[in-house]
mmCIF file of all heavy atoms, coordinates in Angstrom:
data_MODEL
# 
_entry.id   MODEL 
# 
loop_
_atom_site.group_PDB 
_atom_site.id 
_atom_site.type_symbol 
_atom_site.label_atom_id 
_atom_site.label_alt_id 
_atom_site.label_comp_id 
_atom_site.label_asym_id 
_atom_site.label_entity_id 
_atom_site.label_seq_id 
_atom_site.pdbx_PDB_ins_code 
_atom_site.Cartn_x 
_atom_site.Cartn_y 
_atom_site.Cartn_z 
_atom_site.occupancy 
_atom_site.B_iso_or_equiv 
_atom_site.pdbx_formal_charge 
_atom_site.auth_seq_id 
_atom_site.auth_comp_id 
_atom_site.auth_asym_id 
_atom_site.auth_atom_id 
_atom_site.pdbx_PDB_model_num 
ATOM 1   N N   . GLU A 1 1  ? -60.336 14.653 36.478 1.00 0.00 ? 1  GLU A N   1 
ATOM 2   C CA  . GLU A 1 1  ? -58.946 14.608 35.926 1.00 0.00 ? 1  GLU A CA  1 
ATOM 3   C C   . GLU A 1 1  ? -58.807 13.582 34.802 1.00 0.00 ? 1  GLU A C   1 
ATOM 4   O O   . GLU A 1 1  ? -58.141 13.781 33.774 1.00 0.00 ? 1  GLU A O   1 
ATOM 5   C CB  . GLU A 1 1  ? -57.997 14.304 37.102 1.00 0.00 ? 1  GLU A CB  1 
ATOM 6   C CG  . GLU A 1 1  ? -56.544 14.251 36.681 1.00 0.00 ? 1  GLU A CG  1 
ATOM 7   C CD  . GLU A 1 1  ? -55.976 15.640 36.387 1.00 0.00 ? 1  GLU A CD  1 
ATOM 8   O OE1 . GLU A 1 1  ? -56.683 16.661 36.595 1.00 0.00 ? 1  GLU A OE1 1 
ATOM 9   O OE2 . GLU A 1 1  ? -54.812 15.688 35.919 1.00 0.00 ? 1  GLU A OE2 1 
ATOM 10  N N   . TRP A 1 2  ? -59.421 12.433 35.035 1.00 0.00 ? 2  TRP A N   1 
ATOM 11  C CA  . TRP A 1 2  ? -59.411 11.384 33.975 1.00 0.00 ? 2  TRP A CA  1 
ATOM 12  C C   . TRP A 1 2  ? -60.105 11.890 32.663 1.00 0.00 ? 2  TRP A C   1 
ATOM 13  O O   . TRP A 1 2  ? -59.648 11.639 31.560 1.00 0.00 ? 2  TRP A O   1 
ATOM 14  C CB  . TRP A 1 2  ? -60.139 10.164 34.402 1.00 0.00 ? 2  TRP A CB  1 
ATOM 15  C CG  . TRP A 1 2  ? -60.336 9.125  33.335 1.00 0.00 ? 2  TRP A CG  1 
ATOM 16  C CD1 . TRP A 1 2  ? -59.432 8.331  32.721 1.00 0.00 ? 2  TRP A CD1 1 
ATOM 17  C CD2 . TRP A 1 2  ? -61.609 8.878  32.689 1.00 0.00 ? 2  TRP A CD2 1 
ATOM 18  N NE1 . TRP A 1 2  ? -60.034 7.637  31.741 1.00 0.00 ? 2  TRP A NE1 1 
ATOM 19  C CE2 . TRP A 1 2  ? -61.358 7.933  31.720 1.00 0.00 ? 2  TRP A CE2 1 
ATOM 20  C CE3 . TRP A 1 2  ? -62.894 9.375  32.901 1.00 0.00 ? 2  TRP A CE3 1 
ATOM 21  C CZ2 . TRP A 1 2  ? -62.397 7.446  30.869 1.00 0.00 ? 2  TRP A CZ2 1 
ATOM 22  C CZ3 . TRP A 1 2  ? -63.915 8.907  32.100 1.00 0.00 ? 2  TRP A CZ3 1 
ATOM 23  C CH2 . TRP A 1 2  ? -63.635 7.930  31.064 1.00 0.00 ? 2  TRP A CH2 1 
ATOM 24  N N   . VAL A 1 3  ? -61.238 12.586 32.809 1.00 0.00 ? 3  VAL A N   1 
ATOM 25  C CA  . VAL A 1 3  ? -61.946 13.117 31.668 1.00 0.00 ? 3  VAL A CA  1 
ATOM 26  C C   . VAL A 1 3  ? -61.021 14.043 30.896 1.00 0.00 ? 3  VAL A C   1 
ATOM 27  O O   . VAL A 1 3  ? -60.972 14.057 29.636 1.00 0.00 ? 3  VAL A O   1 
ATOM 28  C CB  . VAL A 1 3  ? -63.208 13.890 32.030 1.00 0.00 ? 3  VAL A CB  1 
ATOM 29  C CG1 . VAL A 1 3  ? -63.837 14.636 30.909 1.00 0.00 ? 3  VAL A CG1 1 
ATOM 30  C CG2 . VAL A 1 3  ? -64.242 12.821 32.582 1.00 0.00 ? 3  VAL A CG2 1 
ATOM 31  N N   . ARG A 1 4  ? -60.354 14.906 31.633 1.00 0.00 ? 4  ARG A N   1 
ATOM 32  C CA  . ARG A 1 4  ? -59.387 15.871 30.860 1.00 0.00 ? 4  ARG A CA  1 
ATOM 33  C C   . ARG A 1 4  ? -58.292 15.172 30.213 1.00 0.00 ? 4  ARG A C   1 
ATOM 34  O O   . ARG A 1 4  ? -57.955 15.439 29.041 1.00 0.00 ? 4  ARG A O   1 
ATOM 35  C CB  . ARG A 1 4  ? -58.887 16.917 31.888 1.00 0.00 ? 4  ARG A CB  1 
ATOM 36  C CG  . ARG A 1 4  ? -59.872 17.975 32.299 1.00 0.00 ? 4  ARG A CG  1 
ATOM 37  C CD  . ARG A 1 4  ? -59.210 19.040 33.160 1.00 0.00 ? 4  ARG A CD  1 
ATOM 38  N NE  . ARG A 1 4  ? -58.845 18.570 34.431 1.00 0.00 ? 4  ARG A NE  1 
ATOM 39  C CZ  . ARG A 1 4  ? -59.587 18.678 35.556 1.00 0.00 ? 4  ARG A CZ  1 
ATOM 40  N NH1 . ARG A 1 4  ? -60.788 19.220 35.468 1.00 0.00 ? 4  ARG A NH1 1 
ATOM 41  N NH2 . ARG A 1 4  ? -59.225 18.229 36.705 1.00 0.00 ? 4  ARG A NH2 1 
ATOM 42  N N   . LEU A 1 5  ? -57.665 14.213 30.886 1.00 0.00 ? 5  LEU A N   1 
ATOM 43  C CA  . LEU A 1 5  ? -56.591 13.401 30.265 1.00 0.00 ? 5  LEU A CA  1 
ATOM 44  C C   . LEU A 1 5  ? -57.051 12.560 29.042 1.00 0.00 ? 5  LEU A C   1 
ATOM 45  O O   . LEU A 1 5  ? -56.369 12.421 28.076 1.00 0.00 ? 5  LEU A O   1 
ATOM 46  C CB  . LEU A 1 5  ? -55.924 12.496 31.271 1.00 0.00 ? 5  LEU A CB  1 
ATOM 47  C CG  . LEU A 1 5  ? -55.082 13.198 32.377 1.00 0.00 ? 5  LEU A CG  1 
ATOM 48  C CD1 . LEU A 1 5  ? -54.626 12.206 33.441 1.00 0.00 ? 5  LEU A CD1 1 
ATOM 49  C CD2 . LEU A 1 5  ? -53.795 13.844 31.708 1.00 0.00 ? 5  LEU A CD2 1 
ATOM 50  N N   . GLN A 1 6  ? -58.276 12.061 29.188 1.00 0.00 ? 6  GLN A N   1 
ATOM 51  C CA  . GLN A 1 6  ? -58.806 11.264 28.062 1.00 0.00 ? 6  GLN A CA  1 
ATOM 52  C C   . GLN A 1 6  ? -59.039 12.119 26.868 1.00 0.00 ? 6  GLN A C   1 
ATOM 53  O O   . GLN A 1 6  ? -58.829 11.677 25.704 1.00 0.00 ? 6  GLN A O   1 
ATOM 54  C CB  . GLN A 1 6  ? -60.106 10.630 28.544 1.00 0.00 ? 6  GLN A CB  1 
ATOM 55  C CG  . GLN A 1 6  ? -60.714 9.599  27.469 1.00 0.00 ? 6  GLN A CG  1 
ATOM 56  C CD  . GLN A 1 6  ? -59.742 8.470  27.256 1.00 0.00 ? 6  GLN A CD  1 
ATOM 57  O OE1 . GLN A 1 6  ? -59.220 7.836  28.175 1.00 0.00 ? 6  GLN A OE1 1 
ATOM 58  N NE2 . GLN A 1 6  ? -59.443 8.182  26.004 1.00 0.00 ? 6  GLN A NE2 1 
ATOM 59  N N   . ARG A 1 7  ? -59.497 13.347 27.081 1.00 0.00 ? 7  ARG A N   1 
ATOM 60  C CA  . ARG A 1 7  ? -59.654 14.258 25.957 1.00 0.00 ? 7  ARG A CA  1 
ATOM 61  C C   . ARG A 1 7  ? -58.317 14.562 25.288 1.00 0.00 ? 7  ARG A C   1 
ATOM 62  O O   . ARG A 1 7  ? -58.242 14.605 24.005 1.00 0.00 ? 7  ARG A O   1 
ATOM 63  C CB  . ARG A 1 7  ? -60.290 15.571 26.429 1.00 0.00 ? 7  ARG A CB  1 
ATOM 64  C CG  . ARG A 1 7  ? -61.836 15.423 26.749 1.00 0.00 ? 7  ARG A CG  1 
ATOM 65  C CD  . ARG A 1 7  ? -62.355 16.686 27.407 1.00 0.00 ? 7  ARG A CD  1 
ATOM 66  N NE  . ARG A 1 7  ? -63.776 16.531 27.756 1.00 0.00 ? 7  ARG A NE  1 
ATOM 67  C CZ  . ARG A 1 7  ? -64.415 17.392 28.526 1.00 0.00 ? 7  ARG A CZ  1 
ATOM 68  N NH1 . ARG A 1 7  ? -63.754 18.497 29.019 1.00 0.00 ? 7  ARG A NH1 1 
ATOM 69  N NH2 . ARG A 1 7  ? -65.689 17.206 28.819 1.00 0.00 ? 7  ARG A NH2 1 
ATOM 70  N N   . VAL A 1 8  ? -57.307 14.749 26.081 1.00 0.00 ? 8  VAL A N   1 
ATOM 71  C CA  . VAL A 1 8  ? -55.972 14.958 25.611 1.00 0.00 ? 8  VAL A CA  1 
ATOM 72  C C   . VAL A 1 8  ? -55.502 13.762 24.774 1.00 0.00 ? 8  VAL A C   1 
ATOM 73  O O   . VAL A 1 8  ? -54.937 13.866 23.652 1.00 0.00 ? 8  VAL A O   1 
ATOM 74  C CB  . VAL A 1 8  ? -54.953 15.286 26.729 1.00 0.00 ? 8  VAL A CB  1 
ATOM 75  C CG1 . VAL A 1 8  ? -53.513 15.317 26.194 1.00 0.00 ? 8  VAL A CG1 1 
ATOM 76  C CG2 . VAL A 1 8  ? -55.343 16.679 27.341 1.00 0.00 ? 8  VAL A CG2 1 
ATOM 77  N N   . ALA A 1 9  ? -55.729 12.551 25.314 1.00 0.00 ? 9  ALA A N   1 
ATOM 78  C CA  . ALA A 1 9  ? -55.332 11.313 24.580 1.00 0.00 ? 9  ALA A CA  1 
ATOM 79  C C   . ALA A 1 9  ? -56.111 11.091 23.345 1.00 0.00 ? 9  ALA A C   1 
ATOM 80  O O   . ALA A 1 9  ? -55.536 10.730 22.324 1.00 0.00 ? 9  ALA A O   1 
ATOM 81  C CB  . ALA A 1 9  ? -55.576 10.125 25.514 1.00 0.00 ? 9  ALA A CB  1 
ATOM 82  N N   . ASP A 1 10 ? -57.393 11.517 23.265 1.00 0.00 ? 10 ASP A N   1 
ATOM 83  C CA  . ASP A 1 10 ? -58.154 11.359 22.086 1.00 0.00 ? 10 ASP A CA  1 
ATOM 84  C C   . ASP A 1 10 ? -57.678 12.193 20.963 1.00 0.00 ? 10 ASP A C   1 
ATOM 85  O O   . ASP A 1 10 ? -57.877 11.811 19.763 1.00 0.00 ? 10 ASP A O   1 
ATOM 86  C CB  . ASP A 1 10 ? -59.699 11.697 22.412 1.00 0.00 ? 10 ASP A CB  1 
ATOM 87  C CG  . ASP A 1 10 ? -60.316 10.679 23.278 1.00 0.00 ? 10 ASP A CG  1 
ATOM 88  O OD1 . ASP A 1 10 ? -59.813 9.565  23.419 1.00 0.00 ? 10 ASP A OD1 1 
ATOM 89  O OD2 . ASP A 1 10 ? -61.393 11.020 23.953 1.00 0.00 ? 10 ASP A OD2 1 
ATOM 90  N N   . GLN A 1 11 ? -57.151 13.357 21.261 1.00 0.00 ? 11 GLN A N   1 
ATOM 91  C CA  . GLN A 1 11 ? -56.617 14.210 20.146 1.00 0.00 ? 11 GLN A CA  1 
ATOM 92  C C   . GLN A 1 11 ? -55.193 14.001 19.904 1.00 0.00 ? 11 GLN A C   1 
ATOM 93  O O   . GLN A 1 11 ? -54.637 14.647 19.056 1.00 0.00 ? 11 GLN A O   1 
ATOM 94  C CB  . GLN A 1 11 ? -56.903 15.637 20.571 1.00 0.00 ? 11 GLN A CB  1 
ATOM 95  C CG  . GLN A 1 11 ? -56.049 16.176 21.728 1.00 0.00 ? 11 GLN A CG  1 
ATOM 96  C CD  . GLN A 1 11 ? -56.526 17.578 22.200 1.00 0.00 ? 11 GLN A CD  1 
ATOM 97  O OE1 . GLN A 1 11 ? -57.612 18.010 21.918 1.00 0.00 ? 11 GLN A OE1 1 
ATOM 98  N NE2 . GLN A 1 11 ? -55.600 18.262 22.910 1.00 0.00 ? 11 GLN A NE2 1 
ATOM 99  N N   . ALA A 1 12 ? -54.556 13.024 20.606 1.00 0.00 ? 12 ALA A N   1 
ATOM 100 C CA  . ALA A 1 12 ? -53.105 12.804 20.439 1.00 0.00 ? 12 ALA A CA  1 
ATOM 101 C C   . ALA A 1 12 ? -52.843 12.278 18.971 1.00 0.00 ? 12 ALA A C   1 
ATOM 102 O O   . ALA A 1 12 ? -51.783 12.631 18.395 1.00 0.00 ? 12 ALA A O   1 
ATOM 103 C CB  . ALA A 1 12 ? -52.524 11.835 21.423 1.00 0.00 ? 12 ALA A CB  1 
ATOM 104 N N   . GLY A 1 13 ? -53.761 11.477 18.452 1.00 0.00 ? 13 GLY A N   1 
ATOM 105 C CA  . GLY A 1 13 ? -53.542 10.964 17.083 1.00 0.00 ? 13 GLY A CA  1 
ATOM 106 C C   . GLY A 1 13 ? -53.442 12.074 16.026 1.00 0.00 ? 13 GLY A C   1 
ATOM 107 O O   . GLY A 1 13 ? -52.629 11.947 15.107 1.00 0.00 ? 13 GLY A O   1 
ATOM 108 N N   . ASP A 1 14 ? -54.243 13.072 16.147 1.00 0.00 ? 14 ASP A N   1 
ATOM 109 C CA  . ASP A 1 14 ? -54.180 14.201 15.198 1.00 0.00 ? 14 ASP A CA  1 
ATOM 110 C C   . ASP A 1 14 ? -52.817 14.858 15.268 1.00 0.00 ? 14 ASP A C   1 
ATOM 111 O O   . ASP A 1 14 ? -52.247 15.230 14.201 1.00 0.00 ? 14 ASP A O   1 
ATOM 112 C CB  . ASP A 1 14 ? -55.272 15.231 15.496 1.00 0.00 ? 14 ASP A CB  1 
ATOM 113 C CG  . ASP A 1 14 ? -56.619 14.694 15.321 1.00 0.00 ? 14 ASP A CG  1 
ATOM 114 O OD1 . ASP A 1 14 ? -56.846 13.711 14.563 1.00 0.00 ? 14 ASP A OD1 1 
ATOM 115 O OD2 . ASP A 1 14 ? -57.565 15.165 16.047 1.00 0.00 ? 14 ASP A OD2 1 
ATOM 116 N N   . PHE A 1 15 ? -52.292 15.004 16.494 1.00 0.00 ? 15 PHE A N   1 
ATOM 117 C CA  . PHE A 1 15 ? -51.016 15.643 16.622 1.00 0.00 ? 15 PHE A CA  1 
ATOM 118 C C   . PHE A 1 15 ? -49.825 14.777 16.192 1.00 0.00 ? 15 PHE A C   1 
ATOM 119 O O   . PHE A 1 15 ? -48.804 15.197 15.702 1.00 0.00 ? 15 PHE A O   1 
ATOM 120 C CB  . PHE A 1 15 ? -50.775 16.121 18.055 1.00 0.00 ? 15 PHE A CB  1 
ATOM 121 C CG  . PHE A 1 15 ? -51.643 17.312 18.427 1.00 0.00 ? 15 PHE A CG  1 
ATOM 122 C CD1 . PHE A 1 15 ? -52.856 17.210 18.929 1.00 0.00 ? 15 PHE A CD1 1 
ATOM 123 C CD2 . PHE A 1 15 ? -51.151 18.652 18.135 1.00 0.00 ? 15 PHE A CD2 1 
ATOM 124 C CE1 . PHE A 1 15 ? -53.652 18.275 19.287 1.00 0.00 ? 15 PHE A CE1 1 
ATOM 125 C CE2 . PHE A 1 15 ? -52.003 19.716 18.471 1.00 0.00 ? 15 PHE A CE2 1 
ATOM 126 C CZ  . PHE A 1 15 ? -53.160 19.537 19.048 1.00 0.00 ? 15 PHE A CZ  1 
ATOM 127 N N   . ALA A 1 16 ? -50.053 13.437 16.318 1.00 0.00 ? 16 ALA A N   1 
ATOM 128 C CA  . ALA A 1 16 ? -49.044 12.525 15.859 1.00 0.00 ? 16 ALA A CA  1 
ATOM 129 C C   . ALA A 1 16 ? -48.952 12.544 14.320 1.00 0.00 ? 16 ALA A C   1 
ATOM 130 O O   . ALA A 1 16 ? -47.812 12.506 13.764 1.00 0.00 ? 16 ALA A O   1 
ATOM 131 C CB  . ALA A 1 16 ? -49.413 11.051 16.312 1.00 0.00 ? 16 ALA A CB  1 
ATOM 132 N N   . ASP A 1 17 ? -50.101 12.657 13.615 1.00 0.00 ? 17 ASP A N   1 
ATOM 133 C CA  . ASP A 1 17 ? -50.066 12.800 12.214 1.00 0.00 ? 17 ASP A CA  1 
ATOM 134 C C   . ASP A 1 17 ? -49.391 14.108 11.798 1.00 0.00 ? 17 ASP A C   1 
ATOM 135 O O   . ASP A 1 17 ? -48.614 14.099 10.818 1.00 0.00 ? 17 ASP A O   1 
ATOM 136 C CB  . ASP A 1 17 ? -51.552 12.784 11.638 1.00 0.00 ? 17 ASP A CB  1 
ATOM 137 C CG  . ASP A 1 17 ? -52.171 11.396 11.816 1.00 0.00 ? 17 ASP A CG  1 
ATOM 138 O OD1 . ASP A 1 17 ? -51.432 10.385 12.042 1.00 0.00 ? 17 ASP A OD1 1 
ATOM 139 O OD2 . ASP A 1 17 ? -53.447 11.367 11.804 1.00 0.00 ? 17 ASP A OD2 1 
ATOM 140 N N   . LEU A 1 18 ? -49.678 15.096 12.536 1.00 0.00 ? 18 LEU A N   1 
ATOM 141 C CA  . LEU A 1 18 ? -49.065 16.469 12.245 1.00 0.00 ? 18 LEU A CA  1 
ATOM 142 C C   . LEU A 1 18 ? -47.520 16.320 12.354 1.00 0.00 ? 18 LEU A C   1 
ATOM 143 O O   . LEU A 1 18 ? -46.755 16.848 11.590 1.00 0.00 ? 18 LEU A O   1 
ATOM 144 C CB  . LEU A 1 18 ? -49.658 17.514 13.166 1.00 0.00 ? 18 LEU A CB  1 
ATOM 145 C CG  . LEU A 1 18 ? -49.152 18.940 12.939 1.00 0.00 ? 18 LEU A CG  1 
ATOM 146 C CD1 . LEU A 1 18 ? -49.430 19.379 11.569 1.00 0.00 ? 18 LEU A CD1 1 
ATOM 147 C CD2 . LEU A 1 18 ? -49.666 19.880 13.976 1.00 0.00 ? 18 LEU A CD2 1 
ATOM 148 N N   . ALA A 1 19 ? -47.136 15.650 13.522 1.00 0.00 ? 19 ALA A N   1 
ATOM 149 C CA  . ALA A 1 19 ? -45.656 15.526 13.710 1.00 0.00 ? 19 ALA A CA  1 
ATOM 150 C C   . ALA A 1 19 ? -44.964 14.682 12.687 1.00 0.00 ? 19 ALA A C   1 
ATOM 151 O O   . ALA A 1 19 ? -43.826 14.939 12.268 1.00 0.00 ? 19 ALA A O   1 
ATOM 152 C CB  . ALA A 1 19 ? -45.417 14.963 15.103 1.00 0.00 ? 19 ALA A CB  1 
ATOM 153 N N   . ALA A 1 20 ? -45.717 13.613 12.164 1.00 0.00 ? 20 ALA A N   1 
ATOM 154 C CA  . ALA A 1 20 ? -45.087 12.708 11.132 1.00 0.00 ? 20 ALA A CA  1 
ATOM 155 C C   . ALA A 1 20 ? -44.986 13.431 9.846  1.00 0.00 ? 20 ALA A C   1 
ATOM 156 O O   . ALA A 1 20 ? -44.086 13.038 9.041  1.00 0.00 ? 20 ALA A O   1 
ATOM 157 C CB  . ALA A 1 20 ? -45.969 11.482 11.013 1.00 0.00 ? 20 ALA A CB  1 
ATOM 158 N N   . ARG A 1 21 ? -45.776 14.354 9.544  1.00 0.00 ? 21 ARG A N   1 
ATOM 159 C CA  . ARG A 1 21 ? -45.644 15.100 8.292  1.00 0.00 ? 21 ARG A CA  1 
ATOM 160 C C   . ARG A 1 21 ? -44.630 16.267 8.307  1.00 0.00 ? 21 ARG A C   1 
ATOM 161 O O   . ARG A 1 21 ? -44.369 16.910 7.271  1.00 0.00 ? 21 ARG A O   1 
ATOM 162 C CB  . ARG A 1 21 ? -47.022 15.766 7.959  1.00 0.00 ? 21 ARG A CB  1 
ATOM 163 C CG  . ARG A 1 21 ? -48.108 14.734 7.603  1.00 0.00 ? 21 ARG A CG  1 
ATOM 164 C CD  . ARG A 1 21 ? -49.237 15.356 6.791  1.00 0.00 ? 21 ARG A CD  1 
ATOM 165 N NE  . ARG A 1 21 ? -49.854 16.502 7.527  1.00 0.00 ? 21 ARG A NE  1 
ATOM 166 C CZ  . ARG A 1 21 ? -50.855 16.430 8.362  1.00 0.00 ? 21 ARG A CZ  1 
ATOM 167 N NH1 . ARG A 1 21 ? -51.378 15.256 8.658  1.00 0.00 ? 21 ARG A NH1 1 
ATOM 168 N NH2 . ARG A 1 21 ? -51.322 17.525 8.907  1.00 0.00 ? 21 ARG A NH2 1 
ATOM 169 N N   . ALA A 1 22 ? -43.985 16.365 9.440  1.00 0.00 ? 22 ALA A N   1 
ATOM 170 C CA  . ALA A 1 22 ? -42.941 17.423 9.556  1.00 0.00 ? 22 ALA A CA  1 
ATOM 171 C C   . ALA A 1 22 ? -41.758 17.004 8.685  1.00 0.00 ? 22 ALA A C   1 
ATOM 172 O O   . ALA A 1 22 ? -41.424 15.820 8.500  1.00 0.00 ? 22 ALA A O   1 
ATOM 173 C CB  . ALA A 1 22 ? -42.497 17.580 11.012 1.00 0.00 ? 22 ALA A CB  1 
ATOM 174 N N   . PRO A 1 23 ? -41.019 18.037 8.098  1.00 0.00 ? 23 PRO A N   1 
ATOM 175 C CA  . PRO A 1 23 ? -39.862 17.684 7.245  1.00 0.00 ? 23 PRO A CA  1 
ATOM 176 C C   . PRO A 1 23 ? -38.843 16.851 8.012  1.00 0.00 ? 23 PRO A C   1 
ATOM 177 O O   . PRO A 1 23 ? -38.172 15.957 7.431  1.00 0.00 ? 23 PRO A O   1 
ATOM 178 C CB  . PRO A 1 23 ? -39.276 19.023 6.850  1.00 0.00 ? 23 PRO A CB  1 
ATOM 179 C CG  . PRO A 1 23 ? -40.437 19.979 6.995  1.00 0.00 ? 23 PRO A CG  1 
ATOM 180 C CD  . PRO A 1 23 ? -41.329 19.417 8.134  1.00 0.00 ? 23 PRO A CD  1 
ATOM 181 N N   . SER A 1 24 ? -38.650 17.109 9.242  1.00 0.00 ? 24 SER A N   1 
ATOM 182 C CA  . SER A 1 24 ? -37.648 16.332 10.104 1.00 0.00 ? 24 SER A CA  1 
ATOM 183 C C   . SER A 1 24 ? -38.365 15.898 11.353 1.00 0.00 ? 24 SER A C   1 
ATOM 184 O O   . SER A 1 24 ? -38.323 16.570 12.373 1.00 0.00 ? 24 SER A O   1 
ATOM 185 C CB  . SER A 1 24 ? -36.441 17.161 10.433 1.00 0.00 ? 24 SER A CB  1 
ATOM 186 O OG  . SER A 1 24 ? -36.891 18.416 11.040 1.00 0.00 ? 24 SER A OG  1 
ATOM 187 N N   . PRO A 1 25 ? -39.016 14.689 11.308 1.00 0.00 ? 25 PRO A N   1 
ATOM 188 C CA  . PRO A 1 25 ? -39.761 14.192 12.458 1.00 0.00 ? 25 PRO A CA  1 
ATOM 189 C C   . PRO A 1 25 ? -38.886 14.052 13.756 1.00 0.00 ? 25 PRO A C   1 
ATOM 190 O O   . PRO A 1 25 ? -37.717 13.650 13.594 1.00 0.00 ? 25 PRO A O   1 
ATOM 191 C CB  . PRO A 1 25 ? -40.348 12.861 11.996 1.00 0.00 ? 25 PRO A CB  1 
ATOM 192 C CG  . PRO A 1 25 ? -40.348 12.965 10.525 1.00 0.00 ? 25 PRO A CG  1 
ATOM 193 C CD  . PRO A 1 25 ? -39.138 13.796 10.217 1.00 0.00 ? 25 PRO A CD  1 
ATOM 194 N N   . ASP A 1 26 ? -39.387 14.401 14.879 1.00 0.00 ? 26 ASP A N   1 
ATOM 195 C CA  . ASP A 1 26 ? -38.652 14.250 16.093 1.00 0.00 ? 26 ASP A CA  1 
ATOM 196 C C   . ASP A 1 26 ? -39.208 13.044 16.868 1.00 0.00 ? 26 ASP A C   1 
ATOM 197 O O   . ASP A 1 26 ? -40.383 12.963 17.208 1.00 0.00 ? 26 ASP A O   1 
ATOM 198 C CB  . ASP A 1 26 ? -38.810 15.522 16.976 1.00 0.00 ? 26 ASP A CB  1 
ATOM 199 C CG  . ASP A 1 26 ? -38.055 15.492 18.244 1.00 0.00 ? 26 ASP A CG  1 
ATOM 200 O OD1 . ASP A 1 26 ? -37.327 14.486 18.485 1.00 0.00 ? 26 ASP A OD1 1 
ATOM 201 O OD2 . ASP A 1 26 ? -38.134 16.438 19.004 1.00 0.00 ? 26 ASP A OD2 1 
ATOM 202 N N   . ALA A 1 27 ? -38.287 12.027 17.082 1.00 0.00 ? 27 ALA A N   1 
ATOM 203 C CA  . ALA A 1 27 ? -38.672 10.846 17.768 1.00 0.00 ? 27 ALA A CA  1 
ATOM 204 C C   . ALA A 1 27 ? -39.148 11.106 19.152 1.00 0.00 ? 27 ALA A C   1 
ATOM 205 O O   . ALA A 1 27 ? -40.052 10.473 19.724 1.00 0.00 ? 27 ALA A O   1 
ATOM 206 C CB  . ALA A 1 27 ? -37.513 9.846  17.838 1.00 0.00 ? 27 ALA A CB  1 
ATOM 207 N N   . GLY A 1 28 ? -38.535 12.125 19.856 1.00 0.00 ? 28 GLY A N   1 
ATOM 208 C CA  . GLY A 1 28 ? -38.992 12.460 21.205 1.00 0.00 ? 28 GLY A CA  1 
ATOM 209 C C   . GLY A 1 28 ? -40.384 12.945 21.233 1.00 0.00 ? 28 GLY A C   1 
ATOM 210 O O   . GLY A 1 28 ? -41.108 12.629 22.205 1.00 0.00 ? 28 GLY A O   1 
# 
């Protein structure tokens, strides 16, 4: 379970960059 969650956390940065480039970023 930790391995799966760690993989999700490792790719969170990519999705954070994707969310930041959105025309209207969502703080949530």
